[in-house]
Amino acid sequence: MVSWVIELNDCDICVIQDGVEIDRGPGIAVLQARQLVTGADAAAQQYSNPRAVYNRYWQQLNEASLIGATRQVRHHADLAYHHLAAIIKRCGRPDQLIFSVPAHYGRDELALLLGICSALNLPVGGFVDSNIAAAAGSCAQGRFQILDLFLHHATLVTTEVGESVVRGDVVTLEHTGLARIEKACTALISDAFLEQSRFDPLHEAASEQLLCSQLTAWLRKAVNSPEIDMALDYHGTHFSAHIQSRELERVTAMVLAPILENLDQTACIMLSHTLAGLPGCRAMFRGAQTFAEHASSKGIAEHLTAVNDPNHNIVFATTLPTAGTPSIAVDGEQNRSVATATPVASHVVYRGLAFAITEQPLLLGPNQAPRVTSGTGDESTIALLAGTPTLYSGSANVEVNGETVVGQRALAIGDAIIVAGTQPPFTVICVQ
């Protein structure tokens, strides 16, 4: 029997057959001249006609009418239908199909997806929350918070692993996705080519497409290298440039800053393979552990009998048995995964904006962004003291990670500061 798992993350929709990846491509569609292409084929031409690009149809799976709808494509559900149809054309048909779905999918999205599969004669065996599936195939007992990244949003899913794996709170952060990171990194890299080779890759659609086709490889290289060398061949001319990886890490830190504000300080932090593959994430979430690629498919394969209902009902599993041989255990020293002494904290984040910590004190007030102050009053401030980020509580009621602070306290990455009981907290991060 041919069994598929389709991992529905629009950064890369992956098809796993009997444990082996047989297809992948982002959740992108391009519709022009009455021709619709999806996945990797669409990604290869998305910059030639940006107005013809759709890249939110898996995130917002619905039947709301599209602007510029045609008879072929009326809404996002039609785009999802054509994407799955293209996969079938390339890969054939499975005897059984399980979907590993994002945490934000609910009854409406799953019902619509089931209807699409029915129209394609795809034999759906069930739906599984991707975070629960990954934990059920990998994690020992403990409390985890799983961070995953999509094209336009991120999710944080609290998961309790005991006798079974149970999904807890789900936090969805909009505007905190891979597409925003890639757009900002593209601009930085283009500036590097313009400055060093007098070549602007963003000047023409074809050269922009060429740059973006190399972007993923360059970002991966930046994870382990302090500097990356880049090259593009365009119209018979070779152009080269280099960029410091820390420039790309700053982009990651700024876009992902809202995640730090929502971390569960009592949980072991887990990063998806996608998130961990971005420059700067290892420092930003220092101490966090990482799921292997296709961890959710591994978990589904291990617990297939729990996913398949004996009465042939199609279920959405948010609870699964624990891993038979767990590869990830909770380390008591890592429960506060990002709160380590090195590297030194450099910024404090409030409502998604990062503010540099310097010798000049930053005033922390309730319900307001940090601002530079003289620091002479009895105010709550942060500043570098002998090179160490230090909090001075002042006369206000100040808590760090739930503990009241009186006087001074050295700060570490991941510390969550609450002033006068107001939310959201100020979160300390490192941008290298």
Protein backbone atom coordinates (compact mmCIF):
# COMPACT_ATOMS: atom_id res chain seq x y z
CA MET A 1 0.00 0.00 0.00
CA VAL A 2 1.32 3.44 -0.98
CA SER A 3 0.96 5.79 1.98
CA TRP A 4 1.49 9.55 1.85
CA VAL A 5 1.89 12.22 4.47
CA ILE A 6 1.53 15.77 3.17
CA GLU A 7 3.14 18.37 5.44
CA LEU A 8 1.14 21.56 5.01
CA ASN A 9 3.63 24.31 5.78
CA ASP A 10 3.48 26.89 3.00
CA CYS A 11 7.23 27.56 3.26
CA ASP A 12 7.49 24.11 1.65
CA ILE A 13 4.61 21.71 1.04
CA CYS A 14 6.30 18.30 1.34
CA VAL A 15 5.00 14.91 0.25
CA ILE A 16 6.43 11.96 2.19
CA GLN A 17 5.87 8.47 0.78
CA ASP A 18 6.70 5.58 3.08
CA GLY A 19 9.22 7.76 4.93
CA VAL A 20 10.89 9.26 1.84
CA GLU A 21 10.36 12.79 0.50
CA ILE A 22 9.10 12.60 -3.09
CA ASP A 23 7.95 16.19 -3.71
CA ARG A 24 8.29 19.66 -2.25
CA GLY A 25 7.44 23.21 -3.21
CA PRO A 26 6.28 26.41 -1.51
CA GLY A 27 2.65 27.45 -1.25
CA ILE A 28 2.89 29.81 -4.18
CA ALA A 29 0.72 30.04 -7.30
CA VAL A 30 1.15 32.17 -10.41
CA LEU A 31 -1.84 32.77 -12.70
CA GLN A 32 -1.16 34.48 -16.02
CA ALA A 33 -2.40 34.06 -19.57
CA ARG A 34 -5.00 31.59 -18.21
CA GLN A 35 -2.20 29.28 -17.14
CA LEU A 36 -1.84 28.39 -13.48
CA VAL A 37 1.37 26.98 -12.00
CA THR A 38 2.02 26.15 -8.35
CA GLY A 39 4.81 25.16 -6.00
CA ALA A 40 8.41 25.20 -7.21
CA ASP A 41 7.36 26.03 -10.77
CA ALA A 42 5.52 29.11 -9.52
CA ALA A 43 8.41 30.16 -7.28
CA ALA A 44 10.71 30.09 -10.32
CA GLN A 45 8.66 32.80 -12.06
CA GLN A 46 6.95 34.78 -9.30
CA TYR A 47 8.97 37.96 -9.87
CA SER A 48 8.22 38.17 -13.59
CA ASN A 49 4.65 39.23 -12.81
CA PRO A 50 4.19 39.96 -9.09
CA ARG A 51 0.53 40.90 -9.52
CA ALA A 52 -0.24 37.38 -10.69
CA VAL A 53 1.22 35.77 -7.55
CA TYR A 54 -0.85 34.21 -4.77
CA ASN A 55 0.94 32.99 -1.65
CA ARG A 56 -1.62 33.01 1.16
CA TYR A 57 -4.03 30.33 0.00
CA TRP A 58 -2.83 27.64 2.42
CA GLN A 59 -2.70 30.08 5.34
CA GLN A 60 -6.15 31.49 4.55
CA LEU A 61 -7.88 28.42 3.15
CA ASN A 62 -11.39 29.69 2.41
CA GLU A 63 -13.90 30.42 -0.33
CA ALA A 64 -13.83 34.20 -0.13
CA SER A 65 -13.81 35.69 -3.64
CA LEU A 66 -10.43 36.81 -4.92
CA ILE A 67 -9.78 40.16 -6.53
CA GLY A 68 -9.28 39.36 -10.20
CA ALA A 69 -11.01 35.98 -9.86
CA THR A 70 -11.47 33.87 -13.00
CA ARG A 71 -13.63 30.87 -13.79
CA GLN A 72 -10.61 28.68 -13.12
CA VAL A 73 -9.61 30.37 -9.87
CA ARG A 74 -12.41 31.91 -7.83
CA HIS A 75 -10.93 31.70 -4.33
CA HIS A 76 -8.11 30.24 -2.25
CA ALA A 77 -9.76 26.83 -2.16
CA ASP A 78 -9.44 26.64 -5.95
CA LEU A 79 -5.73 27.40 -5.70
CA ALA A 80 -5.30 24.65 -3.10
CA TYR A 81 -7.19 22.26 -5.40
CA HIS A 82 -4.87 23.00 -8.32
CA HIS A 83 -1.80 22.70 -6.10
CA LEU A 84 -2.82 19.21 -4.96
CA ALA A 85 -3.81 18.28 -8.52
CA ALA A 86 -0.33 19.21 -9.71
CA ILE A 87 1.22 17.02 -7.01
CA ILE A 88 -0.91 14.08 -8.15
CA LYS A 89 0.17 14.66 -11.75
CA ARG A 90 3.83 14.54 -10.74
CA CYS A 91 3.74 11.81 -8.13
CA GLY A 92 0.76 9.59 -8.86
CA ARG A 93 -1.92 8.66 -6.33
CA PRO A 94 -1.57 7.22 -2.83
CA ASP A 95 -3.67 4.45 -1.36
CA GLN A 96 -3.89 6.46 1.83
CA LEU A 97 -3.19 10.10 2.69
CA ILE A 98 -2.64 11.75 6.07
CA PHE A 99 -2.30 15.53 6.37
CA SER A 100 0.07 17.12 8.86
CA VAL A 101 -1.64 20.50 9.30
CA PRO A 102 -0.76 23.84 10.94
CA ALA A 103 -1.94 24.56 14.47
CA HIS A 104 -4.19 27.40 13.33
CA TYR A 105 -6.35 25.12 11.16
CA GLY A 106 -9.83 24.60 12.57
CA ARG A 107 -13.09 22.95 11.58
CA ASP A 108 -13.71 25.23 8.58
CA GLU A 109 -10.29 24.74 6.99
CA LEU A 110 -10.32 20.98 7.53
CA ALA A 111 -13.83 20.57 6.12
CA LEU A 112 -12.84 22.56 3.05
CA LEU A 113 -9.63 20.57 2.62
CA LEU A 114 -11.58 17.31 2.90
CA GLY A 115 -13.96 18.53 0.21
CA ILE A 116 -11.05 19.40 -2.09
CA CYS A 117 -9.59 15.92 -1.61
CA SER A 118 -12.97 14.35 -2.31
CA ALA A 119 -13.15 16.23 -5.62
CA LEU A 120 -9.68 14.86 -6.45
CA ASN A 121 -10.56 11.32 -5.31
CA LEU A 122 -7.79 11.39 -2.71
CA PRO A 123 -8.36 8.83 0.09
CA VAL A 124 -7.86 10.91 3.24
CA GLY A 125 -7.21 8.85 6.36
CA GLY A 126 -7.01 11.71 8.84
CA PHE A 127 -5.57 15.04 9.92
CA VAL A 128 -2.90 15.56 12.59
CA ASP A 129 -1.63 18.75 14.17
CA SER A 130 1.96 18.96 12.91
CA ASN A 131 3.32 20.00 16.32
CA ILE A 132 1.70 17.08 18.12
CA ALA A 133 2.95 14.69 15.45
CA ALA A 134 6.53 15.98 15.76
CA ALA A 135 6.48 15.72 19.57
CA ALA A 136 4.90 12.25 19.45
CA GLY A 137 7.77 11.00 17.31
CA SER A 138 10.61 12.67 19.20
CA CYS A 139 9.95 14.02 22.70
CA ALA A 140 10.32 12.44 26.11
CA GLN A 141 8.06 13.45 28.99
CA GLY A 142 7.98 17.14 29.81
CA ARG A 143 6.50 20.49 28.91
CA PHE A 144 7.44 21.90 25.51
CA GLN A 145 6.70 25.01 23.50
CA ILE A 146 7.06 24.35 19.78
CA LEU A 147 7.92 27.27 17.49
CA ASP A 148 7.16 26.99 13.78
CA LEU A 149 7.48 29.43 10.91
CA PHE A 150 5.29 29.87 7.84
CA LEU A 151 5.37 32.30 4.92
CA HIS A 152 3.39 35.03 6.68
CA HIS A 153 3.05 33.99 10.31
CA ALA A 154 4.53 31.99 13.15
CA THR A 155 2.95 29.69 15.71
CA LEU A 156 3.86 28.83 19.29
CA VAL A 157 2.21 25.65 20.53
CA THR A 158 2.42 24.48 24.14
CA THR A 159 2.60 20.70 24.34
CA GLU A 160 2.45 18.44 27.39
CA VAL A 161 4.14 15.06 26.99
CA GLY A 162 3.20 12.49 29.64
CA GLU A 163 1.36 9.26 29.08
CA SER A 164 0.25 10.91 25.84
CA VAL A 165 1.11 14.03 23.85
CA VAL A 166 -1.53 16.73 24.37
CA ARG A 167 -1.82 20.10 22.65
CA GLY A 168 -2.24 23.12 24.90
CA ASP A 169 -2.33 26.84 24.08
CA VAL A 170 -1.78 27.98 20.49
CA VAL A 171 -0.41 31.46 19.76
CA THR A 172 -0.46 32.73 16.17
CA LEU A 173 1.71 35.75 15.30
CA GLU A 174 0.88 37.53 12.05
CA HIS A 175 3.51 39.43 10.02
CA THR A 176 6.21 37.21 11.54
CA GLY A 177 6.96 34.95 8.60
CA LEU A 178 9.60 33.76 6.19
CA ALA A 179 8.38 35.99 3.35
CA ARG A 180 9.15 39.14 5.36
CA ILE A 181 12.60 37.86 6.30
CA GLU A 182 13.41 36.95 2.69
CA LYS A 183 12.22 40.33 1.40
CA ALA A 184 14.45 42.25 3.83
CA CYS A 185 17.45 39.97 3.17
CA THR A 186 16.93 40.37 -0.57
CA ALA A 187 17.18 44.14 -0.18
CA LEU A 188 20.38 43.86 1.88
CA ILE A 189 22.01 41.49 -0.61
CA SER A 190 20.99 43.67 -3.54
CA ASP A 191 22.60 46.67 -1.84
CA ALA A 192 25.79 44.63 -1.41
CA PHE A 193 25.90 43.81 -5.14
CA LEU A 194 25.19 47.43 -6.05
CA GLU A 195 27.93 48.76 -3.78
CA GLN A 196 30.58 46.14 -4.58
CA SER A 197 29.86 45.25 -8.24
CA ARG A 198 27.77 48.21 -9.44
CA PHE A 199 25.00 45.75 -10.29
CA ASP A 200 21.43 46.17 -9.01
CA PRO A 201 19.67 42.79 -9.09
CA LEU A 202 16.33 44.44 -8.25
CA HIS A 203 16.42 46.69 -11.31
CA GLU A 204 14.90 44.03 -13.57
CA ALA A 205 12.44 41.23 -12.85
CA ALA A 206 14.70 38.59 -14.41
CA SER A 207 17.72 39.51 -12.28
CA GLU A 208 15.55 39.73 -9.16
CA GLN A 209 14.29 36.22 -9.89
CA LEU A 210 17.89 35.08 -10.31
CA LEU A 211 18.89 36.52 -6.94
CA CYS A 212 15.90 35.03 -5.14
CA SER A 213 16.59 31.60 -6.61
CA GLN A 214 19.91 31.67 -4.71
CA LEU A 215 18.59 33.24 -1.50
CA THR A 216 17.72 30.05 0.39
CA ALA A 217 21.22 28.62 -0.14
CA TRP A 218 22.86 31.88 0.97
CA LEU A 219 20.74 32.06 4.15
CA ARG A 220 21.66 28.49 5.03
CA LYS A 221 25.33 29.26 4.51
CA ALA A 222 25.05 32.29 6.79
CA VAL A 223 23.93 30.04 9.67
CA ASN A 224 27.44 28.58 10.03
CA SER A 225 29.69 31.19 8.44
CA PRO A 226 30.55 34.73 9.61
CA GLU A 227 30.59 35.95 6.01
CA ILE A 228 29.13 34.63 2.77
CA ASP A 229 30.41 35.08 -0.76
CA MET A 230 27.75 35.50 -3.42
CA ALA A 231 27.85 35.39 -7.21
CA LEU A 232 25.37 35.97 -10.02
CA ASP A 233 25.86 35.51 -13.77
CA TYR A 234 23.53 37.79 -15.71
CA HIS A 235 23.56 38.56 -19.45
CA GLY A 236 27.03 37.05 -19.80
CA THR A 237 28.58 39.05 -16.96
CA HIS A 238 29.77 37.63 -13.65
CA PHE A 239 28.98 39.70 -10.57
CA SER A 240 30.20 38.95 -7.06
CA ALA A 241 29.68 40.37 -3.59
CA HIS A 242 29.99 39.41 0.05
CA ILE A 243 28.01 40.21 3.15
CA GLN A 244 28.53 39.75 6.87
CA SER A 245 26.19 37.13 8.27
CA ARG A 246 25.41 39.37 11.22
CA GLU A 247 23.61 41.73 8.81
CA LEU A 248 21.21 38.93 7.92
CA GLU A 249 20.97 37.87 11.57
CA ARG A 250 19.69 41.35 12.45
CA VAL A 251 16.85 40.89 9.98
CA THR A 252 15.89 37.58 11.54
CA ALA A 253 16.01 39.06 15.04
CA MET A 254 13.82 42.03 14.14
CA VAL A 255 11.16 40.00 12.32
CA LEU A 256 11.04 37.25 14.93
CA ALA A 257 11.16 39.57 17.96
CA PRO A 258 7.42 39.08 18.73
CA ILE A 259 8.10 35.38 19.31
CA LEU A 260 10.35 36.24 22.27
CA GLU A 261 7.54 38.22 23.86
CA ASN A 262 5.34 35.10 23.85
CA LEU A 263 7.79 32.44 25.05
CA ASP A 264 6.73 30.16 27.87
CA GLN A 265 9.55 30.47 30.39
CA THR A 266 8.51 27.20 32.08
CA ALA A 267 8.79 25.09 28.91
CA CYS A 268 11.59 23.53 26.88
CA ILE A 269 11.68 25.48 23.63
CA MET A 270 11.61 23.46 20.40
CA LEU A 271 12.39 24.93 16.98
CA SER A 272 11.05 23.58 13.71
CA HIS A 273 13.59 22.62 11.08
CA THR A 274 12.54 25.66 9.01
CA LEU A 275 13.02 28.13 11.84
CA ALA A 276 16.34 26.68 12.98
CA GLY A 277 17.72 27.03 9.44
CA LEU A 278 17.68 30.83 9.52
CA PRO A 279 20.75 32.93 10.40
CA GLY A 280 20.81 34.09 14.00
CA CYS A 281 18.15 31.74 15.36
CA ARG A 282 20.61 29.64 17.34
CA ALA A 283 21.74 32.72 19.25
CA MET A 284 18.26 34.19 19.50
CA PHE A 285 16.83 30.99 20.98
CA ARG A 286 20.00 29.81 22.69
CA GLY A 287 19.45 26.53 24.50
CA ALA A 288 16.45 25.55 22.37
CA GLN A 289 16.37 22.14 20.74
CA THR A 290 15.52 21.46 17.10
CA PHE A 291 13.24 18.96 15.42
CA ALA A 292 14.69 16.97 12.55
CA GLU A 293 13.29 17.65 9.09
CA HIS A 294 9.99 15.82 8.52
CA ALA A 295 9.63 15.15 12.25
CA SER A 296 5.84 15.30 11.95
CA SER A 297 5.81 12.61 9.25
CA LYS A 298 7.98 10.41 11.47
CA GLY A 299 5.54 10.83 14.35
CA ILE A 300 2.55 10.02 12.15
CA ALA A 301 4.23 6.90 10.80
CA GLU A 302 5.00 5.71 14.33
CA HIS A 303 1.43 6.23 15.51
CA LEU A 304 -0.52 5.45 12.35
CA THR A 305 -2.95 3.16 14.17
CA ALA A 306 -3.87 6.01 16.50
CA VAL A 307 -4.51 8.33 13.54
CA ASN A 308 -6.64 5.85 11.59
CA ASP A 309 -10.07 5.55 13.20
CA PRO A 310 -11.21 1.87 13.34
CA ASN A 311 -14.72 2.97 12.28
CA HIS A 312 -13.23 4.74 9.24
CA ASN A 313 -14.17 8.18 10.54
CA ILE A 314 -11.82 10.95 9.53
CA VAL A 315 -10.47 12.56 12.71
CA PHE A 316 -8.33 15.57 13.56
CA ALA A 317 -5.74 14.36 16.07
CA THR A 318 -4.49 16.85 18.64
CA THR A 319 -3.49 14.04 21.01
CA LEU A 320 -1.19 11.09 20.24
CA PRO A 321 0.74 8.44 22.20
CA THR A 322 4.29 9.29 23.27
CA ALA A 323 7.37 8.30 21.29
CA GLY A 324 8.53 4.72 21.70
CA THR A 325 12.17 5.78 21.59
CA PRO A 326 12.34 9.54 22.27
CA SER A 327 15.32 11.43 20.92
CA ILE A 328 14.62 14.75 22.70
CA ALA A 329 14.52 15.09 26.48
CA VAL A 330 13.85 18.07 28.70
CA ASP A 331 17.06 19.43 30.20
CA GLY A 332 16.39 21.22 33.44
CA GLU A 333 19.09 23.73 32.57
CA GLN A 334 17.28 24.52 29.34
CA ASN A 335 13.77 25.17 30.63
CA ARG A 336 14.46 28.86 30.22
CA SER A 337 15.95 28.19 26.82
CA VAL A 338 16.94 31.67 25.77
CA ALA A 339 18.01 32.99 29.16
CA THR A 340 21.75 32.40 29.12
CA ALA A 341 24.62 34.64 30.03
CA THR A 342 26.42 34.50 26.69
CA PRO A 343 26.29 36.09 24.27
CA VAL A 344 25.47 39.40 25.98
CA ALA A 345 22.00 40.83 25.50
CA SER A 346 21.95 43.77 23.11
CA HIS A 347 18.33 44.90 22.70
CA VAL A 348 15.03 45.03 24.54
CA VAL A 349 11.85 44.30 22.56
CA TYR A 350 8.45 45.90 23.15
CA ARG A 351 5.43 45.28 20.91
CA GLY A 352 7.61 43.93 18.11
CA LEU A 353 10.12 46.80 18.09
CA ALA A 354 13.73 46.36 19.27
CA PHE A 355 15.62 49.09 21.19
CA ALA A 356 19.40 48.98 21.63
CA ILE A 357 20.81 48.71 25.16
CA THR A 358 23.67 51.21 25.57
CA GLU A 359 25.35 53.21 28.32
CA GLN A 360 22.53 55.75 27.91
CA PRO A 361 19.63 54.55 30.13
CA LEU A 362 16.36 53.43 28.53
CA LEU A 363 13.25 54.35 30.51
CA LEU A 364 10.83 51.45 30.99
CA GLY A 365 7.34 52.71 31.73
CA PRO A 366 3.97 50.93 31.81
CA ASN A 367 2.18 50.84 28.44
CA GLN A 368 4.86 52.78 26.58
CA ALA A 369 7.85 52.02 24.39
CA PRO A 370 11.36 52.44 25.88
CA ARG A 371 12.94 55.86 25.43
CA VAL A 372 16.28 57.40 26.26
CA THR A 373 16.39 59.23 29.58
CA SER A 374 18.96 60.92 31.78
CA GLY A 375 18.43 58.23 34.39
CA THR A 376 18.70 60.73 37.24
CA GLY A 377 15.18 60.19 38.60
CA ASP A 378 13.70 57.24 40.47
CA GLU A 379 12.71 55.56 37.21
CA SER A 380 12.88 51.98 35.96
CA THR A 381 15.71 51.86 33.44
CA ILE A 382 18.01 49.55 31.48
CA ALA A 383 21.58 50.45 30.60
CA LEU A 384 25.02 48.93 30.11
CA LEU A 385 26.87 48.96 33.41
CA ALA A 386 30.53 47.92 33.03
CA GLY A 387 29.51 46.17 29.81
CA THR A 388 26.65 44.22 31.43
CA PRO A 389 22.99 44.95 30.56
CA THR A 390 21.54 45.99 33.92
CA LEU A 391 18.03 46.76 35.12
CA TYR A 392 17.40 49.39 37.80
CA SER A 393 13.94 48.97 39.30
CA GLY A 394 13.47 52.48 40.64
CA SER A 395 10.32 53.06 42.68
CA ALA A 396 8.03 51.03 40.40
CA ASN A 397 6.92 47.46 40.98
CA VAL A 398 9.18 45.56 38.58
CA GLU A 399 9.28 41.81 37.93
CA VAL A 400 11.75 39.76 35.87
CA ASN A 401 10.51 36.31 34.95
CA GLY A 402 7.91 36.55 37.72
CA GLU A 403 10.40 37.56 40.45
CA THR A 404 10.23 41.02 42.05
CA VAL A 405 13.35 43.13 41.54
CA VAL A 406 14.48 45.73 44.07
CA GLY A 407 17.49 47.79 43.07
CA GLN A 408 19.77 46.46 40.33
CA ARG A 409 19.77 43.18 38.43
CA ALA A 410 21.96 41.95 35.58
CA LEU A 411 19.92 40.85 32.59
CA ALA A 412 20.27 37.81 30.34
CA ILE A 413 18.84 36.93 26.96
CA GLY A 414 15.19 35.94 27.22
CA ASP A 415 14.43 37.81 30.43
CA ALA A 416 10.84 39.07 30.50
CA ILE A 417 10.40 42.38 32.36
CA ILE A 418 7.01 43.58 33.61
CA VAL A 419 6.66 47.13 34.95
CA ALA A 420 3.72 47.98 37.22
CA GLY A 421 1.94 44.78 36.26
CA THR A 422 1.24 45.82 32.66
CA GLN A 423 1.50 43.61 29.57
CA PRO A 424 3.10 42.83 27.18
CA PRO A 425 6.50 42.44 28.86
CA PHE A 426 9.76 43.99 27.74
CA THR A 427 11.86 41.08 26.41
CA VAL A 428 15.65 41.04 26.34
CA ILE A 429 17.27 39.66 23.17
CA CYS A 430 20.63 39.46 21.44
CA VAL A 431 21.24 40.77 17.92
CA GLN A 432 24.76 39.76 16.91
